[in-house]
Amino acid sequence: MLNRLKPVVGDWYRDEQGSVFEVVAFEEDAGIIEIQYFDGAVEELDIDSWFGQMLTRSAAPEDWSGPFDDLEADDFGDTETARHYDEGNPLDTFDWNE
Protein backbone atom coordinates (compact mmCIF):
# COMPACT_ATOMS: atom_id res chain seq x y z
CA MET A 1 0.00 0.00 0.00
CA LEU A 2 1.75 3.15 -1.24
CA ASN A 3 -0.95 5.69 -0.52
CA ARG A 4 -2.76 6.34 2.74
CA LEU A 5 -4.81 9.31 1.52
CA LYS A 6 -8.51 8.60 1.59
CA PRO A 7 -10.32 9.88 -1.52
CA VAL A 8 -12.39 12.95 -0.66
CA VAL A 9 -14.88 14.32 -3.17
CA GLY A 10 -13.87 17.86 -4.14
CA ASP A 11 -10.23 17.46 -3.09
CA TRP A 12 -7.37 17.72 -5.60
CA TYR A 13 -4.44 15.30 -5.84
CA ARG A 14 -1.22 14.88 -7.83
CA ASP A 15 -0.04 11.48 -9.03
CA GLU A 16 3.55 10.34 -9.53
CA GLN A 17 3.53 11.53 -13.18
CA GLY A 18 2.62 15.04 -12.01
CA SER A 19 -0.96 14.92 -13.31
CA VAL A 20 -3.43 16.92 -11.22
CA PHE A 21 -6.95 15.63 -10.72
CA GLU A 22 -10.04 16.09 -8.57
CA VAL A 23 -12.10 13.35 -6.96
CA VAL A 24 -15.59 13.92 -8.36
CA ALA A 25 -17.34 10.83 -6.95
CA PHE A 26 -16.61 8.11 -4.43
CA GLU A 27 -18.90 5.12 -4.10
CA GLU A 28 -17.47 3.66 -0.92
CA ASP A 29 -19.72 0.57 -0.89
CA ALA A 30 -18.70 -0.34 -4.45
CA GLY A 31 -15.07 0.74 -3.98
CA ILE A 32 -15.19 3.01 -7.05
CA ILE A 33 -13.54 6.43 -7.26
CA GLU A 34 -14.24 8.74 -10.18
CA ILE A 35 -11.59 11.35 -10.90
CA GLN A 36 -11.38 14.21 -13.37
CA TYR A 37 -8.02 15.44 -14.59
CA PHE A 38 -7.37 19.13 -15.11
CA ASP A 39 -7.75 18.70 -18.89
CA GLY A 40 -11.28 17.33 -18.41
CA ALA A 41 -10.57 13.62 -18.87
CA VAL A 42 -12.58 11.43 -16.51
CA GLU A 43 -11.33 8.12 -15.15
CA GLU A 44 -12.74 5.51 -12.81
CA LEU A 45 -10.47 3.74 -10.32
CA ASP A 46 -11.10 0.86 -7.98
CA ILE A 47 -10.05 1.27 -4.37
CA ASP A 48 -6.98 -0.98 -4.80
CA SER A 49 -5.72 1.13 -7.71
CA TRP A 50 -6.22 4.28 -5.64
CA PHE A 51 -4.18 2.99 -2.71
CA GLY A 52 -1.56 1.49 -5.05
CA GLN A 53 -0.46 4.91 -6.32
CA MET A 54 1.87 7.51 -4.84
CA LEU A 55 -0.47 10.47 -4.41
CA THR A 56 -0.07 13.82 -2.73
CA ARG A 57 -2.70 16.42 -1.96
CA SER A 58 -2.68 19.37 -4.32
CA ALA A 59 -4.22 22.80 -4.41
CA ALA A 60 -6.97 23.38 -6.96
CA PRO A 61 -5.58 24.93 -10.15
CA GLU A 62 -5.94 28.70 -10.36
CA ASP A 63 -6.76 28.47 -14.07
CA TRP A 64 -10.27 27.00 -14.21
CA SER A 65 -10.28 26.69 -18.00
CA GLY A 66 -8.44 23.33 -18.24
CA PRO A 67 -11.43 21.14 -19.18
CA PHE A 68 -12.70 23.68 -21.70
CA ASP A 69 -10.70 23.64 -24.92
CA ASP A 70 -13.05 25.79 -26.99
CA LEU A 71 -13.11 29.02 -25.00
CA GLU A 72 -12.61 32.43 -26.54
CA ALA A 73 -11.01 35.41 -24.79
CA ASP A 74 -14.48 36.87 -24.11
CA ASP A 75 -15.39 33.78 -22.07
CA PHE A 76 -12.94 34.74 -19.34
CA GLY A 77 -14.90 37.72 -18.10
CA ASP A 78 -15.04 41.38 -18.93
CA THR A 79 -12.50 41.66 -21.73
CA GLU A 80 -14.41 44.10 -23.91
CA THR A 81 -13.02 47.58 -24.30
CA ALA A 82 -15.08 50.47 -23.03
CA ARG A 83 -17.27 52.11 -25.62
CA HIS A 84 -16.87 55.84 -25.97
CA TYR A 85 -19.30 58.07 -27.80
CA ASP A 86 -17.32 60.77 -29.55
CA GLU A 87 -20.44 62.10 -31.27
CA GLY A 88 -21.70 63.71 -28.07
CA ASN A 89 -24.72 62.73 -26.05
CA PRO A 90 -27.00 60.31 -27.96
CA LEU A 91 -30.03 62.03 -26.43
CA ASP A 92 -29.12 65.26 -28.25
CA THR A 93 -30.49 63.75 -31.47
CA PHE A 94 -33.86 62.89 -29.90
CA ASP A 95 -36.75 65.08 -31.05
CA TRP A 96 -38.39 66.12 -27.79
CA ASN A 97 -41.32 67.83 -29.58
CA GLU A 98 -42.91 64.66 -30.91
C-alpha atoms as a PDB file:
ATOM      1  CA  MET A   1       0.000   0.000   0.000  1.00  0.00           C
ATOM      2  CA  LEU A   2       1.749   3.146  -1.239  1.00  0.00           C
ATOM      3  CA  ASN A   3      -0.947   5.686  -0.521  1.00  0.00           C
ATOM      4  CA  ARG A   4      -2.761   6.336   2.739  1.00  0.00           C
ATOM      5  CA  LEU A   5      -4.806   9.308   1.518  1.00  0.00           C
ATOM      6  CA  LYS A   6      -8.509   8.600   1.595  1.00  0.00           C
ATOM      7  CA  PRO A   7     -10.323   9.880  -1.524  1.00  0.00           C
ATOM      8  CA  VAL A   8     -12.386  12.947  -0.655  1.00  0.00           C
ATOM      9  CA  VAL A   9     -14.876  14.316  -3.170  1.00  0.00           C
ATOM     10  CA  GLY A  10     -13.871  17.857  -4.139  1.00  0.00           C
ATOM     11  CA  ASP A  11     -10.230  17.464  -3.092  1.00  0.00           C
ATOM     12  CA  TRP A  12      -7.373  17.722  -5.602  1.00  0.00           C
ATOM     13  CA  TYR A  13      -4.437  15.302  -5.838  1.00  0.00           C
ATOM     14  CA  ARG A  14      -1.221  14.882  -7.831  1.00  0.00           C
ATOM     15  CA  ASP A  15      -0.037  11.479  -9.031  1.00  0.00           C
ATOM     16  CA  GLU A  16       3.552  10.336  -9.525  1.00  0.00           C
ATOM     17  CA  GLN A  17       3.529  11.528 -13.181  1.00  0.00           C
ATOM     18  CA  GLY A  18       2.619  15.037 -12.014  1.00  0.00           C
ATOM     19  CA  SER A  19      -0.963  14.923 -13.307  1.00  0.00           C
ATOM     20  CA  VAL A  20      -3.428  16.915 -11.222  1.00  0.00           C
ATOM     21  CA  PHE A  21      -6.953  15.628 -10.719  1.00  0.00           C
ATOM     22  CA  GLU A  22     -10.038  16.089  -8.573  1.00  0.00           C
ATOM     23  CA  VAL A  23     -12.097  13.349  -6.957  1.00  0.00           C
ATOM     24  CA  VAL A  24     -15.588  13.924  -8.361  1.00  0.00           C
ATOM     25  CA  ALA A  25     -17.338  10.832  -6.946  1.00  0.00           C
ATOM     26  CA  PHE A  26     -16.613   8.110  -4.428  1.00  0.00           C
ATOM     27  CA  GLU A  27     -18.896   5.118  -4.096  1.00  0.00           C
ATOM     28  CA  GLU A  28     -17.475   3.663  -0.924  1.00  0.00           C
ATOM     29  CA  ASP A  29     -19.719   0.574  -0.892  1.00  0.00           C
ATOM     30  CA  ALA A  30     -18.699  -0.342  -4.455  1.00  0.00           C
ATOM     31  CA  GLY A  31     -15.067   0.742  -3.979  1.00  0.00           C
ATOM     32  CA  ILE A  32     -15.188   3.007  -7.053  1.00  0.00           C
ATOM     33  CA  ILE A  33     -13.537   6.427  -7.264  1.00  0.00           C
ATOM     34  CA  GLU A  34     -14.238   8.739 -10.177  1.00  0.00           C
ATOM     35  CA  ILE A  35     -11.593  11.353 -10.898  1.00  0.00           C
ATOM     36  CA  GLN A  36     -11.375  14.209 -13.373  1.00  0.00           C
ATOM     37  CA  TYR A  37      -8.024  15.441 -14.593  1.00  0.00           C
ATOM     38  CA  PHE A  38      -7.367  19.135 -15.109  1.00  0.00           C
ATOM     39  CA  ASP A  39      -7.745  18.704 -18.889  1.00  0.00           C
ATOM     40  CA  GLY A  40     -11.281  17.333 -18.408  1.00  0.00           C
ATOM     41  CA  ALA A  41     -10.571  13.618 -18.873  1.00  0.00           C
ATOM     42  CA  VAL A  42     -12.577  11.428 -16.508  1.00  0.00           C
ATOM     43  CA  GLU A  43     -11.327   8.118 -15.148  1.00  0.00           C
ATOM     44  CA  GLU A  44     -12.740   5.508 -12.809  1.00  0.00           C
ATOM     45  CA  LEU A  45     -10.466   3.736 -10.320  1.00  0.00           C
ATOM     46  CA  ASP A  46     -11.103   0.862  -7.977  1.00  0.00           C
ATOM     47  CA  ILE A  47     -10.047   1.272  -4.372  1.00  0.00           C
ATOM     48  CA  ASP A  48      -6.985  -0.984  -4.802  1.00  0.00           C
ATOM     49  CA  SER A  49      -5.720   1.132  -7.714  1.00  0.00           C
ATOM     50  CA  TRP A  50      -6.224   4.275  -5.637  1.00  0.00           C
ATOM     51  CA  PHE A  51      -4.184   2.993  -2.709  1.00  0.00           C
ATOM     52  CA  GLY A  52      -1.560   1.486  -5.051  1.00  0.00           C
ATOM     53  CA  GLN A  53      -0.460   4.914  -6.323  1.00  0.00           C
ATOM     54  CA  MET A  54       1.870   7.506  -4.841  1.00  0.00           C
ATOM     55  CA  LEU A  55      -0.465  10.471  -4.412  1.00  0.00           C
ATOM     56  CA  THR A  56      -0.069  13.822  -2.728  1.00  0.00           C
ATOM     57  CA  ARG A  57      -2.695  16.423  -1.960  1.00  0.00           C
ATOM     58  CA  SER A  58      -2.677  19.368  -4.320  1.00  0.00           C
ATOM     59  CA  ALA A  59      -4.221  22.804  -4.405  1.00  0.00           C
ATOM     60  CA  ALA A  60      -6.966  23.380  -6.957  1.00  0.00           C
ATOM     61  CA  PRO A  61      -5.578  24.934 -10.150  1.00  0.00           C
ATOM     62  CA  GLU A  62      -5.940  28.696 -10.357  1.00  0.00           C
ATOM     63  CA  ASP A  63      -6.760  28.466 -14.065  1.00  0.00           C
ATOM     64  CA  TRP A  64     -10.273  26.996 -14.209  1.00  0.00           C
ATOM     65  CA  SER A  65     -10.278  26.686 -18.000  1.00  0.00           C
ATOM     66  CA  GLY A  66      -8.439  23.328 -18.239  1.00  0.00           C
ATOM     67  CA  PRO A  67     -11.429  21.145 -19.181  1.00  0.00           C
ATOM     68  CA  PHE A  68     -12.704  23.677 -21.703  1.00  0.00           C
ATOM     69  CA  ASP A  69     -10.700  23.644 -24.920  1.00  0.00           C
ATOM     70  CA  ASP A  70     -13.049  25.789 -26.992  1.00  0.00           C
ATOM     71  CA  LEU A  71     -13.110  29.024 -24.995  1.00  0.00           C
ATOM     72  CA  GLU A  72     -12.605  32.429 -26.537  1.00  0.00           C
ATOM     73  CA  ALA A  73     -11.012  35.409 -24.789  1.00  0.00           C
ATOM     74  CA  ASP A  74     -14.483  36.865 -24.111  1.00  0.00           C
ATOM     75  CA  ASP A  75     -15.391  33.780 -22.074  1.00  0.00           C
ATOM     76  CA  PHE A  76     -12.939  34.738 -19.338  1.00  0.00           C
ATOM     77  CA  GLY A  77     -14.899  37.722 -18.098  1.00  0.00           C
ATOM     78  CA  ASP A  78     -15.045  41.383 -18.934  1.00  0.00           C
ATOM     79  CA  THR A  79     -12.502  41.661 -21.730  1.00  0.00           C
ATOM     80  CA  GLU A  80     -14.412  44.097 -23.913  1.00  0.00           C
ATOM     81  CA  THR A  81     -13.021  47.584 -24.302  1.00  0.00           C
ATOM     82  CA  ALA A  82     -15.076  50.469 -23.030  1.00  0.00           C
ATOM     83  CA  ARG A  83     -17.266  52.114 -25.621  1.00  0.00           C
ATOM     84  CA  HIS A  84     -16.871  55.839 -25.969  1.00  0.00           C
ATOM     85  CA  TYR A  85     -19.297  58.068 -27.802  1.00  0.00           C
ATOM     86  CA  ASP A  86     -17.322  60.766 -29.554  1.00  0.00           C
ATOM     87  CA  GLU A  87     -20.442  62.095 -31.268  1.00  0.00           C
ATOM     88  CA  GLY A  88     -21.702  63.713 -28.066  1.00  0.00           C
ATOM     89  CA  ASN A  89     -24.722  62.730 -26.052  1.00  0.00           C
ATOM     90  CA  PRO A  90     -27.000  60.309 -27.962  1.00  0.00           C
ATOM     91  CA  LEU A  91     -30.034  62.030 -26.435  1.00  0.00           C
ATOM     92  CA  ASP A  92     -29.115  65.264 -28.249  1.00  0.00           C
ATOM     93  CA  THR A  93     -30.492  63.747 -31.467  1.00  0.00           C
ATOM     94  CA  PHE A  94     -33.856  62.888 -29.896  1.00  0.00           C
ATOM     95  CA  ASP A  95     -36.752  65.079 -31.053  1.00  0.00           C
ATOM     96  CA  TRP A  96     -38.386  66.119 -27.793  1.00  0.00           C
ATOM     97  CA  ASN A  97     -41.321  67.828 -29.575  1.00  0.00           C
ATOM     98  CA  GLU A  98     -42.912  64.657 -30.915  1.00  0.00           C
END
